[in-house]
Amino acid sequence: MPRRCGPEGRKSCSDVLSNGRRRPPVTNSGGARGAAGLPLRGEKCRRCGPASACCGQLAPTATDGHRRLRRDESAGTHGRALCAGDRQTGRPAVVFVPALGVPEDLMNVASECGKWTRSVLLDVLGPAGRVDLPTFATAVAEWLKVTADAPVVLAGHSTGAQAALHAAVQMPGAVRALVLMSPTFPPHLRQVPALLRATFRNVAHESLGVWRAVLPGCVRIGAVTLFRLLRSAQHDQPEATIADVRCPVLVVRGEQDPFCPEPWATRLSNTARRGQCVNVPGAHGFPHQHGTNTSALIAEFTERCT
C-alpha cells in the first residue's frame, strides 16, 4: 500500500495495487514488431508505408483501439509518440519520459493512464548516436514546445525522470505538474562501482517481466549510447535542479529500489517548492509491474493540481 516517505508512513492514496497487463502488440505490414508493438523507423505502418510519412495512425485491433502513432520532428530530433485515450475536461494530458529513452519501460502505466485522460509515451532520442542527458532533456523540452497545446503532467522514470526534471525547468509554461518515478542518481551512486552494486541488489527484487520488456529496447538503442547516457546522468545533480521547478512535484519510489533510496527521494521532495514523496511496493521497475497502482497515484496527484 502506498505511503508517504518519512518515518510517519502515512497512507496517501487508496489501495489500488494491481499488476498492469501489457496489451497485445500491433504488428506492421511486414509482421515485425517495433518498440511497444510500433513500427520502427524505416518500417511501415499498415496504412501509409514508411513511418517518416505516416498519417499518424495504426490500424486498431480489437483490444487496442485508442493507440495511434505520430511522428514529430523538433530541433532536428526525430521522435515518435504512442498515445492512448482522449483528454477529458479538466484533466491535462500525461506525457511519459522513459528510462534511458526505452519506451517499453512505461508501456503498462501509459496504457492505464489512457483510461482516464490522454496519455502520451515519448520516444524522442531518434537513431542511436551521441546522446547524453542534456540532449535527452532538450529533446523532451522541444517536443513539449512544438507539440503540447496545453500544460501537461510530465512523468519521467529513472533517468527519464532526470530528463523530465530539466525539461520542466526549460519549459515551465508547458508543465502543470511533474511526477518523478524512481529518480536517479543520489550522490553515492555517481561512481560506477557503487552503481554496479546497486544493480545487483535491484536484480534480486525485480520481476522477470520488467527485464523482458526493456532488454529488447536496450539492445535496439545500443550499448555505446546507453553507456554515454548513463554516465552523463551520473554527472547530473537533480537536487540542485529541482529547486527551480515552479509546478507541484510528486516523487514516487519503490520500497525495494536501491537506485532511489528513501532519504534521496525525501531530499528531492523537500527541496522542491511544492513537493511530496510517496513509497509504493516494488523495486526500480515498479511502473511496469504495477501500472494500475502507478496510474492511480498520478490521477490523484493530477486532481489535486487542477
C-alpha atoms as a PDB file:
ATOM      1  CA  MET A   1       0.000   0.000   0.000  1.00  0.00           C
ATOM      2  CA  PRO A   2       1.453   3.404  -0.901  1.00  0.00           C
ATOM      3  CA  ARG A   3       2.734   5.502   1.964  1.00  0.00           C
ATOM      4  CA  ARG A   4       4.431   8.826   2.247  1.00  0.00           C
ATOM      5  CA  CYS A   5       8.187   8.956   2.521  1.00  0.00           C
ATOM      6  CA  GLY A   6       9.459   9.510   6.025  1.00  0.00           C
ATOM      7  CA  PRO A   7       9.034   7.865   9.393  1.00  0.00           C
ATOM      8  CA  GLU A   8       5.315   8.525   9.692  1.00  0.00           C
ATOM      9  CA  GLY A   9       4.498   6.174   6.821  1.00  0.00           C
ATOM     10  CA  ARG A  10       1.016   7.637   6.341  1.00  0.00           C
ATOM     11  CA  LYS A  11      -1.179   6.445   3.514  1.00  0.00           C
ATOM     12  CA  SER A  12      -1.542   8.978   0.761  1.00  0.00           C
ATOM     13  CA  CYS A  13      -3.888   7.257  -1.647  1.00  0.00           C
ATOM     14  CA  SER A  14      -6.277   4.350  -1.858  1.00  0.00           C
ATOM     15  CA  ASP A  15      -5.036   0.778  -2.019  1.00  0.00           C
ATOM     16  CA  VAL A  16      -5.320   0.093  -5.718  1.00  0.00           C
ATOM     17  CA  LEU A  17      -2.399  -2.273  -6.141  1.00  0.00           C
ATOM     18  CA  SER A  18      -2.812  -4.351  -9.265  1.00  0.00           C
ATOM     19  CA  ASN A  19      -0.386  -5.773 -11.778  1.00  0.00           C
ATOM     20  CA  GLY A  20      -0.617  -3.888 -15.058  1.00  0.00           C
ATOM     21  CA  ARG A  21      -1.208  -6.100 -18.074  1.00  0.00           C
ATOM     22  CA  ARG A  22       0.626  -5.436 -21.272  1.00  0.00           C
ATOM     23  CA  ARG A  23      -1.666  -5.120 -24.237  1.00  0.00           C
ATOM     24  CA  PRO A  24      -1.063  -7.235 -27.333  1.00  0.00           C
ATOM     25  CA  PRO A  25       1.419  -5.539 -29.656  1.00  0.00           C
ATOM     26  CA  VAL A  26       0.353  -4.209 -33.028  1.00  0.00           C
ATOM     27  CA  THR A  27       2.292  -5.668 -35.945  1.00  0.00           C
ATOM     28  CA  ASN A  28       3.261  -3.729 -39.017  1.00  0.00           C
ATOM     29  CA  SER A  29       2.598  -4.805 -42.588  1.00  0.00           C
ATOM     30  CA  GLY A  30       5.720  -6.946 -42.622  1.00  0.00           C
ATOM     31  CA  GLY A  31       4.799  -8.683 -39.407  1.00  0.00           C
ATOM     32  CA  ALA A  32       7.769  -7.311 -37.474  1.00  0.00           C
ATOM     33  CA  ARG A  33       7.303  -5.728 -34.082  1.00  0.00           C
ATOM     34  CA  GLY A  34       8.927  -2.475 -33.116  1.00  0.00           C
ATOM     35  CA  ALA A  35       9.165  -0.853 -29.736  1.00  0.00           C
ATOM     36  CA  ALA A  36       5.886  -1.322 -27.877  1.00  0.00           C
ATOM     37  CA  GLY A  37       4.477  -3.004 -30.971  1.00  0.00           C
ATOM     38  CA  LEU A  38       5.040   0.095 -33.144  1.00  0.00           C
ATOM     39  CA  PRO A  39       6.778   0.324 -36.494  1.00  0.00           C
ATOM     40  CA  LEU A  40      10.438   1.126 -36.125  1.00  0.00           C
ATOM     41  CA  ARG A  41      11.988   3.843 -38.205  1.00  0.00           C
ATOM     42  CA  GLY A  42      12.199   2.690 -41.791  1.00  0.00           C
ATOM     43  CA  GLU A  43       9.451   0.097 -41.295  1.00  0.00           C
ATOM     44  CA  LYS A  44       5.859   0.548 -42.419  1.00  0.00           C
ATOM     45  CA  CYS A  45       2.611   1.300 -40.726  1.00  0.00           C
ATOM     46  CA  ARG A  46      -0.415  -0.590 -42.026  1.00  0.00           C
ATOM     47  CA  ARG A  47      -1.892   2.386 -43.814  1.00  0.00           C
ATOM     48  CA  CYS A  48       0.839   4.673 -45.074  1.00  0.00           C
ATOM     49  CA  GLY A  49       4.070   2.855 -45.791  1.00  0.00           C
ATOM     50  CA  PRO A  50       7.267   4.475 -44.478  1.00  0.00           C
ATOM     51  CA  ALA A  51       6.962   5.718 -40.915  1.00  0.00           C
ATOM     52  CA  SER A  52       8.521   9.047 -41.862  1.00  0.00           C
ATOM     53  CA  ALA A  53       5.461   9.777 -43.987  1.00  0.00           C
ATOM     54  CA  CYS A  54       2.973   8.158 -41.630  1.00  0.00           C
ATOM     55  CA  CYS A  55      -0.554   9.545 -41.488  1.00  0.00           C
ATOM     56  CA  GLY A  56      -0.351   9.270 -37.727  1.00  0.00           C
ATOM     57  CA  GLN A  57      -2.393   6.159 -37.057  1.00  0.00           C
ATOM     58  CA  LEU A  58      -2.044   2.428 -36.722  1.00  0.00           C
ATOM     59  CA  ALA A  59      -4.929   0.223 -37.694  1.00  0.00           C
ATOM     60  CA  PRO A  60      -6.682  -0.551 -34.378  1.00  0.00           C
ATOM     61  CA  THR A  61      -7.011  -4.046 -33.021  1.00  0.00           C
ATOM     62  CA  ALA A  62      -9.935  -5.395 -31.019  1.00  0.00           C
ATOM     63  CA  THR A  63      -8.198  -4.654 -27.719  1.00  0.00           C
ATOM     64  CA  ASP A  64      -6.206  -1.606 -28.741  1.00  0.00           C
ATOM     65  CA  GLY A  65      -8.474   0.878 -30.462  1.00  0.00           C
ATOM     66  CA  HIS A  66      -7.041   4.073 -28.940  1.00  0.00           C
ATOM     67  CA  ARG A  67      -3.357   3.839 -29.788  1.00  0.00           C
ATOM     68  CA  ARG A  68      -2.012   5.957 -32.573  1.00  0.00           C
ATOM     69  CA  LEU A  69       1.449   6.755 -33.810  1.00  0.00           C
ATOM     70  CA  ARG A  70       2.541  10.288 -34.529  1.00  0.00           C
ATOM     71  CA  ARG A  71       5.960  11.189 -35.807  1.00  0.00           C
ATOM     72  CA  ASP A  72       7.245  14.588 -34.695  1.00  0.00           C
ATOM     73  CA  GLU A  73      10.383  16.477 -35.617  1.00  0.00           C
ATOM     74  CA  SER A  74      11.750  19.094 -33.248  1.00  0.00           C
ATOM     75  CA  ALA A  75      15.189  20.691 -33.089  1.00  0.00           C
ATOM     76  CA  GLY A  76      16.472  18.152 -35.597  1.00  0.00           C
ATOM     77  CA  THR A  77      15.363  15.250 -33.403  1.00  0.00           C
ATOM     78  CA  HIS A  78      13.191  12.593 -34.984  1.00  0.00           C
ATOM     79  CA  GLY A  79      10.687  11.457 -32.410  1.00  0.00           C
ATOM     80  CA  ARG A  80       7.518   9.473 -32.140  1.00  0.00           C
ATOM     81  CA  ALA A  81       4.767   9.238 -29.583  1.00  0.00           C
ATOM     82  CA  LEU A  82       2.482   6.385 -28.622  1.00  0.00           C
ATOM     83  CA  CYS A  83      -0.853   7.789 -27.495  1.00  0.00           C
ATOM     84  CA  ALA A  84      -3.772   6.252 -25.634  1.00  0.00           C
ATOM     85  CA  GLY A  85      -7.144   7.646 -24.601  1.00  0.00           C
ATOM     86  CA  ASP A  86      -8.578  11.126 -25.053  1.00  0.00           C
ATOM     87  CA  ARG A  87      -8.133  14.203 -22.922  1.00  0.00           C
ATOM     88  CA  GLN A  88     -11.007  14.715 -20.519  1.00  0.00           C
ATOM     89  CA  THR A  89     -12.462  18.057 -19.468  1.00  0.00           C
ATOM     90  CA  GLY A  90     -10.466  19.445 -16.581  1.00  0.00           C
ATOM     91  CA  ARG A  91      -7.787  16.761 -16.835  1.00  0.00           C
ATOM     92  CA  PRO A  92      -4.485  17.528 -18.540  1.00  0.00           C
ATOM     93  CA  ALA A  93      -2.707  15.018 -20.717  1.00  0.00           C
ATOM     94  CA  VAL A  94       0.023  12.897 -19.131  1.00  0.00           C
ATOM     95  CA  VAL A  95       3.313  12.756 -21.032  1.00  0.00           C
ATOM     96  CA  PHE A  96       5.747   9.973 -20.087  1.00  0.00           C
ATOM     97  CA  VAL A  97       9.534  10.088 -20.439  1.00  0.00           C
ATOM     98  CA  PRO A  98      11.008   6.556 -20.167  1.00  0.00           C
ATOM     99  CA  ALA A  99      14.261   5.484 -18.543  1.00  0.00           C
ATOM    100  CA  LEU A 100      17.238   5.579 -20.921  1.00  0.00           C
ATOM    101  CA  GLY A 101      14.798   6.500 -23.681  1.00  0.00           C
ATOM    102  CA  VAL A 102      13.415   2.930 -23.838  1.00  0.00           C
ATOM    103  CA  PRO A 103       9.620   3.306 -24.267  1.00  0.00           C
ATOM    104  CA  GLU A 104       8.839  -0.307 -23.339  1.00  0.00           C
ATOM    105  CA  ASP A 105       9.731   0.699 -19.796  1.00  0.00           C
ATOM    106  CA  LEU A 106       6.438   2.583 -19.322  1.00  0.00           C
ATOM    107  CA  MET A 107       4.028   0.781 -21.640  1.00  0.00           C
ATOM    108  CA  ASN A 108       1.831  -0.544 -18.832  1.00  0.00           C
ATOM    109  CA  VAL A 109       1.341   2.662 -16.882  1.00  0.00           C
ATOM    110  CA  ALA A 110       0.882   4.731 -20.057  1.00  0.00           C
ATOM    111  CA  SER A 111      -1.876   2.368 -21.190  1.00  0.00           C
ATOM    112  CA  GLU A 112      -3.547   2.572 -17.772  1.00  0.00           C
ATOM    113  CA  CYS A 113      -3.475   6.382 -17.756  1.00  0.00           C
ATOM    114  CA  GLY A 114      -5.166   6.309 -21.162  1.00  0.00           C
ATOM    115  CA  LYS A 115      -8.316   5.100 -19.373  1.00  0.00           C
ATOM    116  CA  TRP A 116      -8.859   8.469 -17.660  1.00  0.00           C
ATOM    117  CA  THR A 117      -7.060  11.045 -19.848  1.00  0.00           C
ATOM    118  CA  ARG A 118      -4.900  11.386 -22.922  1.00  0.00           C
ATOM    119  CA  SER A 119      -1.639   9.531 -22.318  1.00  0.00           C
ATOM    120  CA  VAL A 120       1.485  10.077 -24.421  1.00  0.00           C
ATOM    121  CA  LEU A 121       4.611   7.915 -24.258  1.00  0.00           C
ATOM    122  CA  LEU A 122       7.619   9.623 -25.830  1.00  0.00           C
ATOM    123  CA  ASP A 123      10.427   8.149 -27.872  1.00  0.00           C
ATOM    124  CA  VAL A 124      12.429  11.255 -28.686  1.00  0.00           C
ATOM    125  CA  LEU A 125      16.013  10.066 -28.828  1.00  0.00           C
ATOM    126  CA  GLY A 126      15.962   9.169 -32.505  1.00  0.00           C
ATOM    127  CA  PRO A 127      18.597   6.928 -34.080  1.00  0.00           C
ATOM    128  CA  ALA A 128      21.434   5.824 -31.808  1.00  0.00           C
ATOM    129  CA  GLY A 129      24.233   8.363 -31.743  1.00  0.00           C
ATOM    130  CA  ARG A 130      25.893  10.875 -29.458  1.00  0.00           C
ATOM    131  CA  VAL A 131      23.083  11.062 -26.927  1.00  0.00           C
ATOM    132  CA  ASP A 132      23.614  12.271 -23.371  1.00  0.00           C
ATOM    133  CA  LEU A 133      21.277  13.506 -20.656  1.00  0.00           C
ATOM    134  CA  PRO A 134      21.284  17.184 -21.750  1.00  0.00           C
ATOM    135  CA  THR A 135      20.423  16.095 -25.306  1.00  0.00           C
ATOM    136  CA  PHE A 136      17.667  13.857 -23.953  1.00  0.00           C
ATOM    137  CA  ALA A 137      16.195  16.644 -21.803  1.00  0.00           C
ATOM    138  CA  THR A 138      16.358  19.195 -24.612  1.00  0.00           C
ATOM    139  CA  ALA A 139      14.574  16.790 -26.957  1.00  0.00           C
ATOM    140  CA  VAL A 140      11.746  16.410 -24.429  1.00  0.00           C
ATOM    141  CA  ALA A 141      11.534  20.186 -23.936  1.00  0.00           C
ATOM    142  CA  GLU A 142      11.457  20.791 -27.688  1.00  0.00           C
ATOM    143  CA  TRP A 143       8.744  18.173 -28.092  1.00  0.00           C
ATOM    144  CA  LEU A 144       6.650  19.989 -25.476  1.00  0.00           C
ATOM    145  CA  LYS A 145       7.290  23.320 -27.174  1.00  0.00           C
ATOM    146  CA  VAL A 146       6.262  22.103 -30.616  1.00  0.00           C
ATOM    147  CA  THR A 147       3.503  19.644 -29.745  1.00  0.00           C
ATOM    148  CA  ALA A 148       1.814  20.331 -26.401  1.00  0.00           C
ATOM    149  CA  ASP A 149      -1.234  22.558 -26.919  1.00  0.00           C
ATOM    150  CA  ALA A 150      -1.900  22.898 -23.162  1.00  0.00           C
ATOM    151  CA  PRO A 151       0.079  22.356 -19.950  1.00  0.00           C
ATOM    152  CA  VAL A 152       0.632  18.661 -19.253  1.00  0.00           C
ATOM    153  CA  VAL A 153       1.510  16.380 -16.379  1.00  0.00           C
ATOM    154  CA  LEU A 154       5.088  15.371 -17.190  1.00  0.00           C
ATOM    155  CA  ALA A 155       6.097  11.995 -15.729  1.00  0.00           C
ATOM    156  CA  GLY A 156       9.576  10.522 -16.020  1.00  0.00           C
ATOM    157  CA  HIS A 157      11.076   7.290 -14.766  1.00  0.00           C
ATOM    158  CA  SER A 158      14.673   6.791 -13.596  1.00  0.00           C
ATOM    159  CA  THR A 159      16.996   8.686 -15.985  1.00  0.00           C
ATOM    160  CA  GLY A 160      13.809   9.730 -17.771  1.00  0.00           C
ATOM    161  CA  ALA A 161      12.850  11.484 -14.531  1.00  0.00           C
ATOM    162  CA  GLN A 162      16.117  13.432 -14.730  1.00  0.00           C
ATOM    163  CA  ALA A 163      15.330  14.427 -18.319  1.00  0.00           C
ATOM    164  CA  ALA A 164      11.761  15.376 -17.350  1.00  0.00           C
ATOM    165  CA  LEU A 165      13.094  17.492 -14.480  1.00  0.00           C
ATOM    166  CA  HIS A 166      15.312  19.525 -16.782  1.00  0.00           C
ATOM    167  CA  ALA A 167      12.548  19.806 -19.390  1.00  0.00           C
ATOM    168  CA  ALA A 168      10.188  21.192 -16.730  1.00  0.00           C
ATOM    169  CA  VAL A 169      12.750  23.890 -15.927  1.00  0.00           C
ATOM    170  CA  GLN A 170      13.304  24.693 -19.615  1.00  0.00           C
ATOM    171  CA  MET A 171       9.569  24.811 -20.434  1.00  0.00           C
ATOM    172  CA  PRO A 172       7.796  25.869 -17.221  1.00  0.00           C
ATOM    173  CA  GLY A 173       4.683  27.074 -19.032  1.00  0.00           C
ATOM    174  CA  ALA A 174       4.138  23.673 -20.629  1.00  0.00           C
ATOM    175  CA  VAL A 175       4.203  21.610 -17.417  1.00  0.00           C
ATOM    176  CA  ARG A 176       1.344  21.788 -14.930  1.00  0.00           C
ATOM    177  CA  ALA A 177       2.718  19.086 -12.622  1.00  0.00           C
ATOM    178  CA  LEU A 178       5.814  16.912 -12.512  1.00  0.00           C
ATOM    179  CA  VAL A 179       5.968  13.247 -11.476  1.00  0.00           C
ATOM    180  CA  LEU A 180       9.411  11.777 -10.782  1.00  0.00           C
ATOM    181  CA  MET A 181       9.284   7.976 -10.569  1.00  0.00           C
ATOM    182  CA  SER A 182      12.438   6.459  -9.067  1.00  0.00           C
ATOM    183  CA  PRO A 183      14.566   9.499  -9.938  1.00  0.00           C
ATOM    184  CA  THR A 184      18.302   8.785 -10.193  1.00  0.00           C
ATOM    185  CA  PHE A 185      21.135   9.198  -9.030  1.00  0.00           C
ATOM    186  CA  PRO A 186      21.907  10.027  -5.386  1.00  0.00           C
ATOM    187  CA  PRO A 187      25.497  11.227  -4.809  1.00  0.00           C
ATOM    188  CA  HIS A 188      26.762   7.857  -3.568  1.00  0.00           C
ATOM    189  CA  LEU A 189      25.688   6.195  -6.834  1.00  0.00           C
ATOM    190  CA  ARG A 190      27.557   8.555  -9.135  1.00  0.00           C
ATOM    191  CA  GLN A 191      30.518   6.206  -9.340  1.00  0.00           C
ATOM    192  CA  VAL A 192      30.477   3.047 -11.457  1.00  0.00           C
ATOM    193  CA  PRO A 193      31.385   0.525  -8.686  1.00  0.00           C
ATOM    194  CA  ALA A 194      28.582   1.735  -6.413  1.00  0.00           C
ATOM    195  CA  LEU A 195      26.135   1.704  -9.298  1.00  0.00           C
ATOM    196  CA  LEU A 196      27.053  -1.884 -10.161  1.00  0.00           C
ATOM    197  CA  ARG A 197      26.459  -2.959  -6.555  1.00  0.00           C
ATOM    198  CA  ALA A 198      23.049  -1.288  -6.584  1.00  0.00           C
ATOM    199  CA  THR A 199      22.234  -3.025  -9.869  1.00  0.00           C
ATOM    200  CA  PHE A 200      22.910  -6.446  -8.365  1.00  0.00           C
ATOM    201  CA  ARG A 201      20.719  -5.597  -5.367  1.00  0.00           C
ATOM    202  CA  ASN A 202      17.905  -4.461  -7.642  1.00  0.00           C
ATOM    203  CA  VAL A 203      18.033  -7.641  -9.749  1.00  0.00           C
ATOM    204  CA  ALA A 204      17.103  -9.655  -6.679  1.00  0.00           C
ATOM    205  CA  HIS A 205      13.821  -7.738  -6.331  1.00  0.00           C
ATOM    206  CA  GLU A 206      12.899  -7.048  -9.960  1.00  0.00           C
ATOM    207  CA  SER A 207      10.338  -9.170 -11.784  1.00  0.00           C
ATOM    208  CA  LEU A 208      11.289 -11.067 -14.933  1.00  0.00           C
ATOM    209  CA  GLY A 209       8.559  -9.192 -16.780  1.00  0.00           C
ATOM    210  CA  VAL A 210      10.470  -5.948 -16.403  1.00  0.00           C
ATOM    211  CA  TRP A 211      13.592  -7.415 -17.987  1.00  0.00           C
ATOM    212  CA  ARG A 212      11.608  -8.996 -20.812  1.00  0.00           C
ATOM    213  CA  ALA A 213      10.059  -5.636 -21.554  1.00  0.00           C
ATOM    214  CA  VAL A 214      13.137  -3.394 -21.512  1.00  0.00           C
ATOM    215  CA  LEU A 215      16.005  -5.562 -22.768  1.00  0.00           C
ATOM    216  CA  PRO A 216      14.909  -5.560 -26.452  1.00  0.00           C
ATOM    217  CA  GLY A 217      14.756  -1.762 -26.361  1.00  0.00           C
ATOM    218  CA  CYS A 218      18.199  -1.570 -24.755  1.00  0.00           C
ATOM    219  CA  VAL A 219      19.611  -3.794 -27.495  1.00  0.00           C
ATOM    220  CA  ARG A 220      17.967  -1.610 -30.141  1.00  0.00           C
ATOM    221  CA  ILE A 221      19.457   1.597 -28.731  1.00  0.00           C
ATOM    222  CA  GLY A 222      22.897   0.061 -28.352  1.00  0.00           C
ATOM    223  CA  ALA A 223      25.462  -0.312 -25.599  1.00  0.00           C
ATOM    224  CA  VAL A 224      27.514   2.764 -26.565  1.00  0.00           C
ATOM    225  CA  THR A 225      24.519   5.108 -26.472  1.00  0.00           C
ATOM    226  CA  LEU A 226      23.222   3.600 -23.230  1.00  0.00           C
ATOM    227  CA  PHE A 227      26.617   3.943 -21.557  1.00  0.00           C
ATOM    228  CA  ARG A 228      27.006   7.555 -22.696  1.00  0.00           C
ATOM    229  CA  LEU A 229      23.523   8.437 -21.443  1.00  0.00           C
ATOM    230  CA  LEU A 230      24.047   6.612 -18.167  1.00  0.00           C
ATOM    231  CA  ARG A 231      27.389   8.252 -17.416  1.00  0.00           C
ATOM    232  CA  SER A 232      26.060  11.722 -18.192  1.00  0.00           C
ATOM    233  CA  ALA A 233      23.111  11.014 -15.877  1.00  0.00           C
ATOM    234  CA  GLN A 234      25.566  10.141 -13.102  1.00  0.00           C
ATOM    235  CA  HIS A 235      27.157  13.563 -13.517  1.00  0.00           C
ATOM    236  CA  ASP A 236      23.789  15.286 -13.164  1.00  0.00           C
ATOM    237  CA  GLN A 237      22.663  16.930  -9.902  1.00  0.00           C
ATOM    238  CA  PRO A 238      18.863  16.717  -9.657  1.00  0.00           C
ATOM    239  CA  GLU A 239      18.980  18.021  -6.084  1.00  0.00           C
ATOM    240  CA  ALA A 240      20.098  21.388  -7.468  1.00  0.00           C
ATOM    241  CA  THR A 241      17.775  21.474 -10.478  1.00  0.00           C
ATOM    242  CA  ILE A 242      14.569  20.625  -8.642  1.00  0.00           C
ATOM    243  CA  ALA A 243      14.668  23.876  -6.681  1.00  0.00           C
ATOM    244  CA  ASP A 244      13.973  25.721  -9.960  1.00  0.00           C
ATOM    245  CA  VAL A 245      10.795  23.778 -10.787  1.00  0.00           C
ATOM    246  CA  ARG A 246       7.752  26.024 -10.437  1.00  0.00           C
ATOM    247  CA  CYS A 247       4.993  23.404 -10.568  1.00  0.00           C
ATOM    248  CA  PRO A 248       3.980  20.802  -7.935  1.00  0.00           C
ATOM    249  CA  VAL A 249       6.267  17.759  -7.816  1.00  0.00           C
ATOM    250  CA  LEU A 250       5.448  14.183  -6.807  1.00  0.00           C
ATOM    251  CA  VAL A 251       8.391  11.867  -6.119  1.00  0.00           C
ATOM    252  CA  VAL A 252       7.477   8.158  -6.190  1.00  0.00           C
ATOM    253  CA  ARG A 253       9.880   5.366  -5.267  1.00  0.00           C
ATOM    254  CA  GLY A 254       9.669   1.608  -4.894  1.00  0.00           C
ATOM    255  CA  GLU A 255      10.212   0.381  -1.364  1.00  0.00           C
ATOM    256  CA  GLN A 256      12.889  -2.063  -2.616  1.00  0.00           C
ATOM    257  CA  ASP A 257      14.591   0.332  -5.030  1.00  0.00           C
ATOM    258  CA  PRO A 258      18.351   0.672  -4.346  1.00  0.00           C
ATOM    259  CA  PHE A 259      18.738   3.283  -7.101  1.00  0.00           C
ATOM    260  CA  CYS A 260      16.371   5.675  -5.341  1.00  0.00           C
ATOM    261  CA  PRO A 261      16.710   5.200  -1.571  1.00  0.00           C
ATOM    262  CA  GLU A 262      14.158   6.871   0.663  1.00  0.00           C
ATOM    263  CA  PRO A 263      16.484   9.578   2.040  1.00  0.00           C
ATOM    264  CA  TRP A 264      17.278  10.635  -1.536  1.00  0.00           C
ATOM    265  CA  ALA A 265      13.615  10.746  -2.589  1.00  0.00           C
ATOM    266  CA  THR A 266      12.724  12.681   0.552  1.00  0.00           C
ATOM    267  CA  ARG A 267      15.548  15.142  -0.065  1.00  0.00           C
ATOM    268  CA  LEU A 268      14.265  15.852  -3.577  1.00  0.00           C
ATOM    269  CA  SER A 269      10.666  16.370  -2.454  1.00  0.00           C
ATOM    270  CA  ASN A 270      11.745  18.636   0.399  1.00  0.00           C
ATOM    271  CA  THR A 271      13.910  20.732  -1.935  1.00  0.00           C
ATOM    272  CA  ALA A 272      11.064  21.263  -4.402  1.00  0.00           C
ATOM    273  CA  ARG A 273       8.922  24.342  -3.848  1.00  0.00           C
ATOM    274  CA  ARG A 274       5.797  22.182  -3.662  1.00  0.00           C
ATOM    275  CA  GLY A 275       6.952  18.597  -3.286  1.00  0.00           C
ATOM    276  CA  GLN A 276       5.590  15.332  -1.966  1.00  0.00           C
ATOM    277  CA  CYS A 277       7.211  11.896  -1.679  1.00  0.00           C
ATOM    278  CA  VAL A 278       5.385   8.556  -1.750  1.00  0.00           C
ATOM    279  CA  ASN A 279       6.646   4.984  -1.258  1.00  0.00           C
ATOM    280  CA  VAL A 280       4.975   2.181  -3.213  1.00  0.00           C
ATOM    281  CA  PRO A 281       5.558  -1.585  -3.367  1.00  0.00           C
ATOM    282  CA  GLY A 282       8.198  -2.852  -5.784  1.00  0.00           C
ATOM    283  CA  ALA A 283      11.726  -2.195  -6.955  1.00  0.00           C
ATOM    284  CA  HIS A 284      13.088   0.205  -9.568  1.00  0.00           C
ATOM    285  CA  GLY A 285      10.746  -1.069 -12.273  1.00  0.00           C
ATOM    286  CA  PHE A 286       7.534  -0.630 -10.273  1.00  0.00           C
ATOM    287  CA  PRO A 287       5.745   1.404 -13.019  1.00  0.00           C
ATOM    288  CA  HIS A 288       5.892  -1.627 -15.301  1.00  0.00           C
ATOM    289  CA  GLN A 289       4.996  -4.200 -12.681  1.00  0.00           C
ATOM    290  CA  HIS A 290       2.270  -2.125 -11.016  1.00  0.00           C
ATOM    291  CA  GLY A 291       0.882   0.000 -13.835  1.00  0.00           C
ATOM    292  CA  THR A 292      -2.617   0.302 -12.365  1.00  0.00           C
ATOM    293  CA  ASN A 293      -1.310   1.429  -8.991  1.00  0.00           C
ATOM    294  CA  THR A 294       1.024   3.977 -10.548  1.00  0.00           C
ATOM    295  CA  SER A 295      -1.706   5.323 -12.802  1.00  0.00           C
ATOM    296  CA  ALA A 296      -3.980   5.832  -9.776  1.00  0.00           C
ATOM    297  CA  LEU A 297      -1.251   7.784  -7.974  1.00  0.00           C
ATOM    298  CA  ILE A 298      -0.770  10.039 -10.988  1.00  0.00           C
ATOM    299  CA  ALA A 299      -4.535  10.515 -11.338  1.00  0.00           C
ATOM    300  CA  GLU A 300      -4.892  11.525  -7.681  1.00  0.00           C
ATOM    301  CA  PHE A 301      -1.946  13.896  -7.901  1.00  0.00           C
ATOM    302  CA  THR A 302      -3.378  15.414 -11.097  1.00  0.00           C
ATOM    303  CA  GLU A 303      -6.728  16.033  -9.391  1.00  0.00           C
ATOM    304  CA  ARG A 304      -5.003  17.923  -6.586  1.00  0.00           C
ATOM    305  CA  CYS A 305      -3.071  20.069  -9.073  1.00  0.00           C
ATOM    306  CA  THR A 306      -6.021  21.104 -11.257  1.00  0.00           C
END
